[in-house]
Amino acid sequence: MGAFHGSRYTKEVTKLVTSKNQARPATILALDYGRARIGLAIADGETRLAKPLDTLERINRNEDMRRLRELAREQGVGQIIVGLPLRLDGSHGEMAEEASRFAERVRKQIGVPVEMVDERLTSWEAERLLEEQGGRILKAPARVTSGRDAEKQQRKPKTDGKLTVDALAAAVMLKEYLER
């Protein structure tokens, strides 16, 4: 919570002490789990504003966890929420079970509290928001089985700094979580 003041002449940094002198609230990372991609959003512990961060292209369990651990460390994450893709009637399907297993791996391997959050309709809401803004909805390329296109399929799709549905869906989910 303390602010820092740096002198541009001496490069000396002094900490300004706040009257409350309390620990800074934890940064929250939201994960919109999918078999091909994981949408990432983050909320700073102080401002509690959800913002899309990135989309993680899945490689394998170990590499995915390594990259998530690194991201959590870099961002100072103290809590993670993982989307629970319930059916519209609220029941658990195959993807909900898969997301629950993923959340448990995240909890064990990253070592911060993990909470499952209902994510019904977040991707739909993200697509609607992108369309309202005139943005192009970015999805994975269609599956191809042969020729030069098959070689392109193996490469990571480039987002060129554009917002993806996955990252925006994670931000929608995180925003709803923070507002409850």
N, C-alpha and C. Protein backbone atom coordinates (compact mmCIF):
# COMPACT_ATOMS: atom_id res chain seq x y z
N MET A 1 0.81 -1.17 0.00
CA MET A 1 0.00 0.00 0.00
C MET A 1 0.87 1.25 0.00
N GLY A 2 2.13 1.09 0.41
CA GLY A 2 3.02 2.23 0.45
C GLY A 2 3.41 2.68 -0.94
N ALA A 3 3.56 3.97 -1.11
CA ALA A 3 3.98 4.50 -2.40
C ALA A 3 5.49 4.75 -2.33
N PHE A 4 6.12 4.82 -3.48
CA PHE A 4 7.54 5.06 -3.53
C PHE A 4 7.81 6.39 -4.21
N HIS A 5 8.80 7.09 -3.73
CA HIS A 5 9.19 8.36 -4.31
C HIS A 5 10.65 8.23 -4.70
N GLY A 6 10.96 8.48 -5.95
CA GLY A 6 12.33 8.39 -6.39
C GLY A 6 12.83 9.74 -6.87
N SER A 7 14.01 10.12 -6.47
CA SER A 7 14.60 11.35 -6.94
C SER A 7 15.32 11.07 -8.25
N ARG A 8 15.04 11.85 -9.26
CA ARG A 8 15.68 11.60 -10.55
C ARG A 8 17.13 12.06 -10.56
N TYR A 9 17.54 12.77 -9.53
CA TYR A 9 18.91 13.25 -9.48
C TYR A 9 19.83 12.29 -8.75
N THR A 10 19.38 11.73 -7.65
CA THR A 10 20.24 10.86 -6.87
C THR A 10 19.90 9.39 -7.04
N LYS A 11 18.79 9.11 -7.70
CA LYS A 11 18.29 7.76 -7.88
C LYS A 11 18.05 7.07 -6.54
N GLU A 12 17.87 7.87 -5.51
CA GLU A 12 17.56 7.33 -4.20
C GLU A 12 16.05 7.10 -4.11
N VAL A 13 15.68 5.98 -3.57
CA VAL A 13 14.27 5.66 -3.44
C VAL A 13 13.93 5.59 -1.97
N THR A 14 12.91 6.32 -1.59
CA THR A 14 12.47 6.28 -0.20
C THR A 14 11.02 5.84 -0.17
N LYS A 15 10.69 5.02 0.81
CA LYS A 15 9.33 4.51 0.93
C LYS A 15 8.49 5.49 1.74
N LEU A 16 7.34 5.86 1.18
CA LEU A 16 6.40 6.70 1.92
C LEU A 16 5.49 5.78 2.72
N VAL A 17 5.44 5.97 4.01
CA VAL A 17 4.68 5.09 4.88
C VAL A 17 3.23 5.60 4.96
N THR A 18 2.29 4.67 4.84
CA THR A 18 0.88 5.03 4.96
C THR A 18 0.47 4.94 6.42
N SER A 19 -0.59 5.62 6.76
CA SER A 19 -1.05 5.63 8.15
C SER A 19 -1.57 4.26 8.57
N LYS A 20 -2.16 3.52 7.66
CA LYS A 20 -2.70 2.21 8.01
C LYS A 20 -1.60 1.15 8.12
N ASN A 21 -0.54 1.31 7.34
CA ASN A 21 0.60 0.40 7.37
C ASN A 21 0.17 -1.07 7.26
N GLN A 22 -0.68 -1.37 6.29
CA GLN A 22 -1.16 -2.74 6.12
C GLN A 22 -0.63 -3.36 4.84
N ALA A 23 -0.69 -4.68 4.79
CA ALA A 23 -0.19 -5.40 3.62
C ALA A 23 -1.08 -5.12 2.41
N ARG A 24 -0.47 -5.12 1.26
CA ARG A 24 -1.19 -4.89 0.01
C ARG A 24 -2.04 -6.11 -0.32
N PRO A 25 -3.32 -5.91 -0.71
CA PRO A 25 -4.16 -7.05 -1.08
C PRO A 25 -3.56 -7.82 -2.25
N ALA A 26 -3.81 -9.10 -2.28
CA ALA A 26 -3.22 -9.98 -3.29
C ALA A 26 -3.79 -9.72 -4.68
N THR A 27 -2.93 -9.90 -5.67
CA THR A 27 -3.35 -9.86 -7.07
C THR A 27 -4.08 -11.16 -7.37
N ILE A 28 -5.17 -11.07 -8.14
CA ILE A 28 -5.96 -12.24 -8.49
C ILE A 28 -5.80 -12.54 -9.96
N LEU A 29 -5.51 -13.80 -10.27
CA LEU A 29 -5.37 -14.27 -11.65
C LEU A 29 -6.58 -15.13 -11.97
N ALA A 30 -7.23 -14.85 -13.11
CA ALA A 30 -8.37 -15.66 -13.55
C ALA A 30 -7.95 -16.50 -14.74
N LEU A 31 -8.36 -17.78 -14.72
CA LEU A 31 -8.03 -18.71 -15.80
C LEU A 31 -9.33 -19.23 -16.41
N ASP A 32 -9.50 -18.99 -17.70
CA ASP A 32 -10.63 -19.54 -18.44
C ASP A 32 -10.10 -20.78 -19.15
N TYR A 33 -10.27 -21.93 -18.51
CA TYR A 33 -9.68 -23.19 -18.97
C TYR A 33 -10.34 -23.70 -20.24
N GLY A 34 -9.50 -24.17 -21.16
CA GLY A 34 -9.96 -24.83 -22.37
C GLY A 34 -8.94 -25.87 -22.79
N ARG A 35 -9.34 -26.79 -23.63
CA ARG A 35 -8.42 -27.85 -24.06
C ARG A 35 -7.31 -27.33 -24.96
N ALA A 36 -7.57 -26.29 -25.73
CA ALA A 36 -6.57 -25.74 -26.65
C ALA A 36 -5.90 -24.48 -26.10
N ARG A 37 -6.66 -23.68 -25.35
CA ARG A 37 -6.15 -22.39 -24.85
C ARG A 37 -6.67 -22.14 -23.44
N ILE A 38 -5.93 -21.28 -22.73
CA ILE A 38 -6.37 -20.82 -21.42
C ILE A 38 -6.37 -19.29 -21.47
N GLY A 39 -7.54 -18.71 -21.28
CA GLY A 39 -7.65 -17.26 -21.24
C GLY A 39 -7.18 -16.76 -19.89
N LEU A 40 -6.42 -15.67 -19.87
CA LEU A 40 -5.85 -15.13 -18.64
C LEU A 40 -6.32 -13.69 -18.43
N ALA A 41 -6.72 -13.39 -17.21
CA ALA A 41 -7.06 -12.03 -16.83
C ALA A 41 -6.50 -11.80 -15.43
N ILE A 42 -6.33 -10.54 -15.09
CA ILE A 42 -5.71 -10.22 -13.81
C ILE A 42 -6.42 -9.02 -13.18
N ALA A 43 -6.42 -9.00 -11.86
CA ALA A 43 -6.95 -7.85 -11.12
C ALA A 43 -5.94 -7.49 -10.05
N ASP A 44 -5.51 -6.26 -10.05
CA ASP A 44 -4.62 -5.76 -9.03
C ASP A 44 -5.36 -5.76 -7.70
N GLY A 45 -4.67 -6.11 -6.65
CA GLY A 45 -5.29 -6.21 -5.34
C GLY A 45 -5.85 -4.90 -4.83
N GLU A 46 -5.27 -3.77 -5.20
CA GLU A 46 -5.72 -2.47 -4.71
C GLU A 46 -6.91 -1.95 -5.51
N THR A 47 -6.77 -1.91 -6.83
CA THR A 47 -7.83 -1.32 -7.66
C THR A 47 -8.99 -2.28 -7.87
N ARG A 48 -8.71 -3.59 -7.83
CA ARG A 48 -9.73 -4.62 -8.04
C ARG A 48 -10.45 -4.45 -9.38
N LEU A 49 -9.71 -4.02 -10.38
CA LEU A 49 -10.26 -3.91 -11.73
C LEU A 49 -9.76 -5.08 -12.56
N ALA A 50 -10.69 -5.81 -13.15
CA ALA A 50 -10.33 -6.97 -13.97
C ALA A 50 -9.91 -6.49 -15.36
N LYS A 51 -8.79 -7.03 -15.84
CA LYS A 51 -8.37 -6.70 -17.21
C LYS A 51 -7.82 -7.95 -17.88
N PRO A 52 -8.16 -8.10 -19.17
CA PRO A 52 -7.63 -9.25 -19.93
C PRO A 52 -6.11 -9.16 -19.96
N LEU A 53 -5.45 -10.30 -19.86
CA LEU A 53 -3.99 -10.32 -19.83
C LEU A 53 -3.42 -10.94 -21.10
N ASP A 54 -3.80 -12.19 -21.38
CA ASP A 54 -3.22 -12.90 -22.51
C ASP A 54 -4.00 -14.19 -22.72
N THR A 55 -3.63 -14.92 -23.75
CA THR A 55 -4.17 -16.25 -23.99
C THR A 55 -3.01 -17.21 -24.08
N LEU A 56 -3.04 -18.22 -23.25
CA LEU A 56 -1.98 -19.22 -23.19
C LEU A 56 -2.34 -20.37 -24.11
N GLU A 57 -1.56 -20.58 -25.15
CA GLU A 57 -1.78 -21.72 -26.04
C GLU A 57 -1.28 -22.96 -25.31
N ARG A 58 -2.13 -23.96 -25.17
CA ARG A 58 -1.78 -25.17 -24.44
C ARG A 58 -0.70 -25.96 -25.18
N ILE A 59 0.25 -26.50 -24.43
CA ILE A 59 1.30 -27.35 -24.99
C ILE A 59 1.16 -28.75 -24.39
N ASN A 60 1.38 -28.86 -23.08
CA ASN A 60 1.15 -30.09 -22.33
C ASN A 60 1.03 -29.70 -20.86
N ARG A 61 0.62 -30.62 -20.02
CA ARG A 61 0.37 -30.29 -18.61
C ARG A 61 1.57 -29.66 -17.93
N ASN A 62 2.74 -30.28 -18.08
CA ASN A 62 3.93 -29.79 -17.40
C ASN A 62 4.33 -28.40 -17.87
N GLU A 63 4.36 -28.19 -19.17
CA GLU A 63 4.75 -26.89 -19.71
C GLU A 63 3.71 -25.82 -19.38
N ASP A 64 2.44 -26.18 -19.44
CA ASP A 64 1.38 -25.23 -19.08
C ASP A 64 1.55 -24.78 -17.63
N MET A 65 1.80 -25.72 -16.73
CA MET A 65 1.97 -25.39 -15.31
C MET A 65 3.24 -24.56 -15.09
N ARG A 66 4.30 -24.89 -15.80
CA ARG A 66 5.54 -24.11 -15.67
C ARG A 66 5.29 -22.66 -16.05
N ARG A 67 4.59 -22.44 -17.17
CA ARG A 67 4.30 -21.07 -17.62
C ARG A 67 3.35 -20.35 -16.66
N LEU A 68 2.37 -21.07 -16.12
CA LEU A 68 1.45 -20.44 -15.15
C LEU A 68 2.18 -20.09 -13.85
N ARG A 69 3.08 -20.98 -13.39
CA ARG A 69 3.87 -20.69 -12.19
C ARG A 69 4.71 -19.43 -12.40
N GLU A 70 5.36 -19.35 -13.55
CA GLU A 70 6.19 -18.20 -13.86
C GLU A 70 5.36 -16.92 -13.90
N LEU A 71 4.20 -16.97 -14.54
CA LEU A 71 3.32 -15.81 -14.62
C LEU A 71 2.85 -15.39 -13.22
N ALA A 72 2.46 -16.36 -12.40
CA ALA A 72 1.99 -16.07 -11.04
C ALA A 72 3.10 -15.40 -10.23
N ARG A 73 4.31 -15.90 -10.39
CA ARG A 73 5.45 -15.31 -9.67
C ARG A 73 5.72 -13.88 -10.16
N GLU A 74 5.75 -13.68 -11.47
CA GLU A 74 6.02 -12.36 -12.05
C GLU A 74 4.97 -11.33 -11.64
N GLN A 75 3.72 -11.75 -11.58
CA GLN A 75 2.61 -10.83 -11.29
C GLN A 75 2.30 -10.70 -9.80
N GLY A 76 2.97 -11.49 -8.96
CA GLY A 76 2.71 -11.43 -7.52
C GLY A 76 1.31 -11.92 -7.17
N VAL A 77 0.89 -13.00 -7.82
CA VAL A 77 -0.46 -13.53 -7.63
C VAL A 77 -0.60 -14.19 -6.26
N GLY A 78 -1.67 -13.83 -5.55
CA GLY A 78 -1.95 -14.40 -4.25
C GLY A 78 -3.20 -15.27 -4.25
N GLN A 79 -3.95 -15.22 -5.35
CA GLN A 79 -5.15 -16.04 -5.47
C GLN A 79 -5.42 -16.27 -6.95
N ILE A 80 -5.98 -17.45 -7.25
CA ILE A 80 -6.33 -17.80 -8.62
C ILE A 80 -7.78 -18.25 -8.63
N ILE A 81 -8.51 -17.80 -9.65
CA ILE A 81 -9.85 -18.34 -9.86
C ILE A 81 -9.85 -19.05 -11.21
N VAL A 82 -10.53 -20.19 -11.25
CA VAL A 82 -10.63 -21.00 -12.45
C VAL A 82 -12.10 -21.12 -12.81
N GLY A 83 -12.40 -20.88 -14.08
CA GLY A 83 -13.78 -20.96 -14.53
C GLY A 83 -14.31 -22.38 -14.49
N LEU A 84 -15.51 -22.53 -13.97
CA LEU A 84 -16.19 -23.82 -13.93
C LEU A 84 -17.29 -23.81 -15.00
N PRO A 85 -17.06 -24.52 -16.10
CA PRO A 85 -18.02 -24.48 -17.22
C PRO A 85 -19.23 -25.39 -16.98
N LEU A 86 -20.15 -24.91 -16.17
CA LEU A 86 -21.36 -25.67 -15.90
C LEU A 86 -22.29 -25.61 -17.12
N ARG A 87 -23.15 -26.61 -17.21
CA ARG A 87 -24.19 -26.57 -18.24
C ARG A 87 -25.19 -25.48 -17.88
N LEU A 88 -26.00 -25.06 -18.83
CA LEU A 88 -26.97 -24.00 -18.56
C LEU A 88 -27.92 -24.35 -17.42
N ASP A 89 -28.20 -25.64 -17.23
CA ASP A 89 -29.09 -26.05 -16.14
C ASP A 89 -28.34 -26.16 -14.81
N GLY A 90 -27.04 -25.85 -14.80
CA GLY A 90 -26.26 -25.87 -13.56
C GLY A 90 -25.57 -27.19 -13.26
N SER A 91 -25.80 -28.20 -14.09
CA SER A 91 -25.18 -29.51 -13.84
C SER A 91 -23.74 -29.54 -14.36
N HIS A 92 -22.98 -30.50 -13.83
CA HIS A 92 -21.58 -30.68 -14.22
C HIS A 92 -21.51 -31.62 -15.42
N GLY A 93 -20.75 -31.23 -16.42
CA GLY A 93 -20.50 -32.09 -17.56
C GLY A 93 -19.04 -32.48 -17.60
N GLU A 94 -18.62 -33.03 -18.72
CA GLU A 94 -17.24 -33.48 -18.90
C GLU A 94 -16.24 -32.34 -18.74
N MET A 95 -16.53 -31.17 -19.32
CA MET A 95 -15.60 -30.04 -19.23
C MET A 95 -15.51 -29.51 -17.80
N ALA A 96 -16.60 -29.55 -17.06
CA ALA A 96 -16.57 -29.09 -15.66
C ALA A 96 -15.67 -30.00 -14.84
N GLU A 97 -15.74 -31.29 -15.09
CA GLU A 97 -14.88 -32.24 -14.37
C GLU A 97 -13.42 -32.01 -14.74
N GLU A 98 -13.16 -31.79 -16.02
CA GLU A 98 -11.80 -31.54 -16.49
C GLU A 98 -11.24 -30.24 -15.89
N ALA A 99 -12.06 -29.19 -15.85
CA ALA A 99 -11.63 -27.92 -15.27
C ALA A 99 -11.37 -28.06 -13.77
N SER A 100 -12.16 -28.88 -13.09
CA SER A 100 -11.95 -29.11 -11.66
C SER A 100 -10.62 -29.81 -11.40
N ARG A 101 -10.29 -30.81 -12.22
CA ARG A 101 -8.99 -31.49 -12.09
C ARG A 101 -7.84 -30.52 -12.36
N PHE A 102 -8.03 -29.67 -13.37
CA PHE A 102 -7.02 -28.66 -13.71
C PHE A 102 -6.82 -27.70 -12.53
N ALA A 103 -7.91 -27.25 -11.93
CA ALA A 103 -7.83 -26.32 -10.80
C ALA A 103 -7.08 -26.95 -9.62
N GLU A 104 -7.30 -28.22 -9.39
CA GLU A 104 -6.60 -28.92 -8.31
C GLU A 104 -5.09 -29.00 -8.61
N ARG A 105 -4.73 -29.26 -9.86
CA ARG A 105 -3.30 -29.26 -10.24
C ARG A 105 -2.69 -27.88 -10.03
N VAL A 106 -3.42 -26.84 -10.42
CA VAL A 106 -2.94 -25.47 -10.25
C VAL A 106 -2.69 -25.19 -8.77
N ARG A 107 -3.65 -25.57 -7.91
CA ARG A 107 -3.51 -25.34 -6.47
C ARG A 107 -2.27 -26.04 -5.91
N LYS A 108 -2.08 -27.30 -6.30
CA LYS A 108 -0.94 -28.07 -5.79
C LYS A 108 0.39 -27.53 -6.31
N GLN A 109 0.45 -27.16 -7.59
CA GLN A 109 1.73 -26.80 -8.19
C GLN A 109 2.10 -25.34 -8.04
N ILE A 110 1.13 -24.46 -7.89
CA ILE A 110 1.46 -23.03 -7.76
C ILE A 110 1.45 -22.61 -6.30
N GLY A 111 0.66 -23.28 -5.47
CA GLY A 111 0.72 -23.05 -4.04
C GLY A 111 -0.01 -21.81 -3.55
N VAL A 112 -1.00 -21.35 -4.29
CA VAL A 112 -1.84 -20.24 -3.81
C VAL A 112 -3.29 -20.74 -3.79
N PRO A 113 -4.15 -20.08 -3.00
CA PRO A 113 -5.55 -20.51 -2.97
C PRO A 113 -6.18 -20.45 -4.37
N VAL A 114 -6.97 -21.48 -4.69
CA VAL A 114 -7.65 -21.56 -5.98
C VAL A 114 -9.14 -21.74 -5.71
N GLU A 115 -9.95 -20.96 -6.40
CA GLU A 115 -11.39 -21.05 -6.24
C GLU A 115 -12.03 -21.27 -7.61
N MET A 116 -13.01 -22.16 -7.66
CA MET A 116 -13.76 -22.40 -8.89
C MET A 116 -14.92 -21.40 -8.94
N VAL A 117 -15.14 -20.83 -10.14
CA VAL A 117 -16.18 -19.83 -10.31
C VAL A 117 -17.03 -20.19 -11.53
N ASP A 118 -18.34 -20.09 -11.37
CA ASP A 118 -19.27 -20.35 -12.46
C ASP A 118 -18.94 -19.42 -13.64
N GLU A 119 -18.68 -20.01 -14.79
CA GLU A 119 -18.32 -19.19 -15.95
C GLU A 119 -19.35 -19.26 -17.07
N ARG A 120 -20.54 -19.74 -16.76
CA ARG A 120 -21.58 -19.84 -17.81
C ARG A 120 -21.76 -18.52 -18.53
N LEU A 121 -21.76 -18.59 -19.84
CA LEU A 121 -22.03 -17.47 -20.75
C LEU A 121 -20.93 -16.40 -20.79
N THR A 122 -19.77 -16.63 -20.15
CA THR A 122 -18.72 -15.61 -20.21
C THR A 122 -18.13 -15.49 -21.61
N SER A 123 -17.98 -16.61 -22.32
CA SER A 123 -17.45 -16.53 -23.70
C SER A 123 -18.46 -15.82 -24.60
N TRP A 124 -19.74 -16.09 -24.39
CA TRP A 124 -20.77 -15.41 -25.17
C TRP A 124 -20.71 -13.91 -24.90
N GLU A 125 -20.59 -13.53 -23.63
CA GLU A 125 -20.51 -12.13 -23.25
C GLU A 125 -19.26 -11.48 -23.83
N ALA A 126 -18.13 -12.20 -23.83
CA ALA A 126 -16.89 -11.68 -24.39
C ALA A 126 -17.03 -11.44 -25.89
N GLU A 127 -17.64 -12.38 -26.60
CA GLU A 127 -17.86 -12.20 -28.04
C GLU A 127 -18.76 -11.00 -28.30
N ARG A 128 -19.80 -10.85 -27.50
CA ARG A 128 -20.71 -9.71 -27.65
C ARG A 128 -19.97 -8.40 -27.44
N LEU A 129 -19.11 -8.33 -26.41
CA LEU A 129 -18.34 -7.12 -26.14
C LEU A 129 -17.38 -6.79 -27.29
N LEU A 130 -16.73 -7.82 -27.82
CA LEU A 130 -15.82 -7.59 -28.94
C LEU A 130 -16.56 -7.10 -30.17
N GLU A 131 -17.72 -7.69 -30.44
CA GLU A 131 -18.51 -7.26 -31.60
C GLU A 131 -18.99 -5.83 -31.43
N GLU A 132 -19.39 -5.46 -30.21
CA GLU A 132 -19.83 -4.08 -29.95
C GLU A 132 -18.72 -3.09 -30.23
N GLN A 133 -17.50 -3.49 -29.92
CA GLN A 133 -16.35 -2.61 -30.13
C GLN A 133 -15.84 -2.67 -31.56
N GLY A 134 -16.47 -3.46 -32.40
CA GLY A 134 -16.03 -3.58 -33.78
C GLY A 134 -14.80 -4.44 -33.92
N GLY A 135 -14.45 -5.17 -32.85
CA GLY A 135 -13.26 -6.02 -32.90
C GLY A 135 -13.55 -7.32 -33.61
N ARG A 136 -12.51 -7.94 -34.08
CA ARG A 136 -12.65 -9.24 -34.72
C ARG A 136 -12.52 -10.32 -33.67
N ILE A 137 -13.39 -11.27 -33.69
CA ILE A 137 -13.31 -12.37 -32.75
C ILE A 137 -12.21 -13.32 -33.21
N LEU A 138 -11.25 -13.52 -32.34
CA LEU A 138 -10.12 -14.37 -32.70
C LEU A 138 -10.32 -15.75 -32.11
N LYS A 139 -10.33 -16.74 -32.97
CA LYS A 139 -10.47 -18.13 -32.53
C LYS A 139 -9.35 -18.93 -33.17
N ALA A 140 -9.17 -20.14 -32.69
CA ALA A 140 -8.14 -21.01 -33.25
C ALA A 140 -8.48 -21.30 -34.70
N PRO A 141 -7.46 -21.48 -35.56
CA PRO A 141 -7.72 -21.80 -36.96
C PRO A 141 -8.43 -23.15 -37.07
N ALA A 142 -9.19 -23.30 -38.14
CA ALA A 142 -9.91 -24.56 -38.36
C ALA A 142 -8.91 -25.70 -38.51
N ARG A 143 -9.30 -26.89 -38.07
CA ARG A 143 -8.40 -28.04 -38.18
C ARG A 143 -8.21 -28.42 -39.64
N VAL A 144 -6.95 -28.68 -39.98
CA VAL A 144 -6.60 -29.06 -41.34
C VAL A 144 -5.82 -30.36 -41.25
N THR A 145 -5.95 -31.20 -42.25
CA THR A 145 -5.32 -32.51 -42.14
C THR A 145 -4.12 -32.73 -43.04
N SER A 146 -3.94 -31.93 -44.08
CA SER A 146 -2.80 -32.20 -44.96
C SER A 146 -2.32 -30.92 -45.64
N GLY A 147 -1.20 -31.05 -46.35
CA GLY A 147 -0.67 -29.94 -47.15
C GLY A 147 0.03 -28.89 -46.31
N ARG A 148 0.31 -27.74 -46.96
CA ARG A 148 1.00 -26.64 -46.31
C ARG A 148 0.23 -26.09 -45.12
N ASP A 149 -1.10 -26.16 -45.21
CA ASP A 149 -1.94 -25.65 -44.12
C ASP A 149 -1.73 -26.44 -42.84
N ALA A 150 -1.43 -27.73 -42.95
CA ALA A 150 -1.18 -28.55 -41.76
C ALA A 150 0.06 -28.06 -41.03
N GLU A 151 1.06 -27.61 -41.78
CA GLU A 151 2.27 -27.10 -41.17
C GLU A 151 1.97 -25.80 -40.41
N LYS A 152 1.14 -24.93 -40.98
CA LYS A 152 0.75 -23.69 -40.33
C LYS A 152 -0.02 -23.97 -39.05
N GLN A 153 -0.82 -25.03 -39.04
CA GLN A 153 -1.64 -25.41 -37.88
C GLN A 153 -0.77 -25.62 -36.65
N GLN A 154 0.44 -26.14 -36.81
CA GLN A 154 1.32 -26.46 -35.70
C GLN A 154 1.85 -25.21 -35.01
N ARG A 155 1.92 -24.09 -35.73
CA ARG A 155 2.43 -22.86 -35.14
C ARG A 155 1.39 -22.21 -34.25
N LYS A 156 1.88 -21.41 -33.30
CA LYS A 156 0.97 -20.67 -32.43
C LYS A 156 0.25 -19.62 -33.26
N PRO A 157 -1.06 -19.52 -33.13
CA PRO A 157 -1.75 -18.44 -33.82
C PRO A 157 -1.29 -17.10 -33.24
N LYS A 158 -1.04 -16.13 -34.09
CA LYS A 158 -0.59 -14.82 -33.62
C LYS A 158 -1.80 -13.96 -33.32
N THR A 159 -1.73 -13.25 -32.20
CA THR A 159 -2.82 -12.36 -31.86
C THR A 159 -2.44 -10.91 -32.13
N ASP A 160 -1.15 -10.63 -32.32
CA ASP A 160 -0.67 -9.29 -32.64
C ASP A 160 -1.25 -8.22 -31.71
N GLY A 161 -1.29 -8.54 -30.41
CA GLY A 161 -1.75 -7.57 -29.45
C GLY A 161 -3.26 -7.38 -29.41
N LYS A 162 -3.99 -8.12 -30.21
CA LYS A 162 -5.44 -7.99 -30.21
C LYS A 162 -6.04 -8.84 -29.10
N LEU A 163 -7.16 -8.39 -28.63
CA LEU A 163 -7.86 -9.08 -27.56
C LEU A 163 -8.48 -10.37 -28.08
N THR A 164 -8.31 -11.47 -27.34
CA THR A 164 -8.93 -12.72 -27.73
C THR A 164 -10.17 -12.96 -26.89
N VAL A 165 -11.07 -13.76 -27.42
CA VAL A 165 -12.28 -14.12 -26.70
C VAL A 165 -11.91 -14.78 -25.38
N ASP A 166 -10.91 -15.65 -25.38
CA ASP A 166 -10.52 -16.38 -24.17
C ASP A 166 -10.07 -15.44 -23.05
N ALA A 167 -9.21 -14.47 -23.38
CA ALA A 167 -8.72 -13.53 -22.36
C ALA A 167 -9.85 -12.62 -21.88
N LEU A 168 -10.70 -12.19 -22.80
CA LEU A 168 -11.81 -11.33 -22.40
C LEU A 168 -12.84 -12.10 -21.57
N ALA A 169 -13.06 -13.37 -21.90
CA ALA A 169 -13.97 -14.20 -21.10
C ALA A 169 -13.43 -14.35 -19.68
N ALA A 170 -12.12 -14.51 -19.54
CA ALA A 170 -11.50 -14.59 -18.20
C ALA A 170 -11.71 -13.28 -17.45
N ALA A 171 -11.61 -12.15 -18.16
CA ALA A 171 -11.81 -10.84 -17.53
C ALA A 171 -13.27 -10.65 -17.10
N VAL A 172 -14.21 -11.11 -17.92
CA VAL A 172 -15.64 -11.03 -17.58
C VAL A 172 -15.90 -11.85 -16.32
N MET A 173 -15.34 -13.06 -16.28
CA MET A 173 -15.50 -13.94 -15.13
C MET A 173 -14.90 -13.30 -13.87
N LEU A 174 -13.72 -12.72 -14.00
CA LEU A 174 -13.06 -12.07 -12.87
C LEU A 174 -13.83 -10.85 -12.39
N LYS A 175 -14.35 -10.07 -13.32
CA LYS A 175 -15.16 -8.89 -12.97
C LYS A 175 -16.38 -9.32 -12.16
N GLU A 176 -17.06 -10.36 -12.61
CA GLU A 176 -18.24 -10.86 -11.89
C GLU A 176 -17.85 -11.38 -10.50
N TYR A 177 -16.71 -12.03 -10.41
CA TYR A 177 -16.22 -12.54 -9.12
C TYR A 177 -15.95 -11.39 -8.16
N LEU A 178 -15.33 -10.33 -8.64
CA LEU A 178 -14.99 -9.18 -7.79
C LEU A 178 -16.22 -8.40 -7.35
N GLU A 179 -17.29 -8.45 -8.15
CA GLU A 179 -18.50 -7.70 -7.84
C GLU A 179 -19.43 -8.43 -6.88
N ARG A 180 -19.18 -9.69 -6.61
CA ARG A 180 -20.12 -10.43 -5.75
C ARG A 180 -19.99 -10.10 -4.30
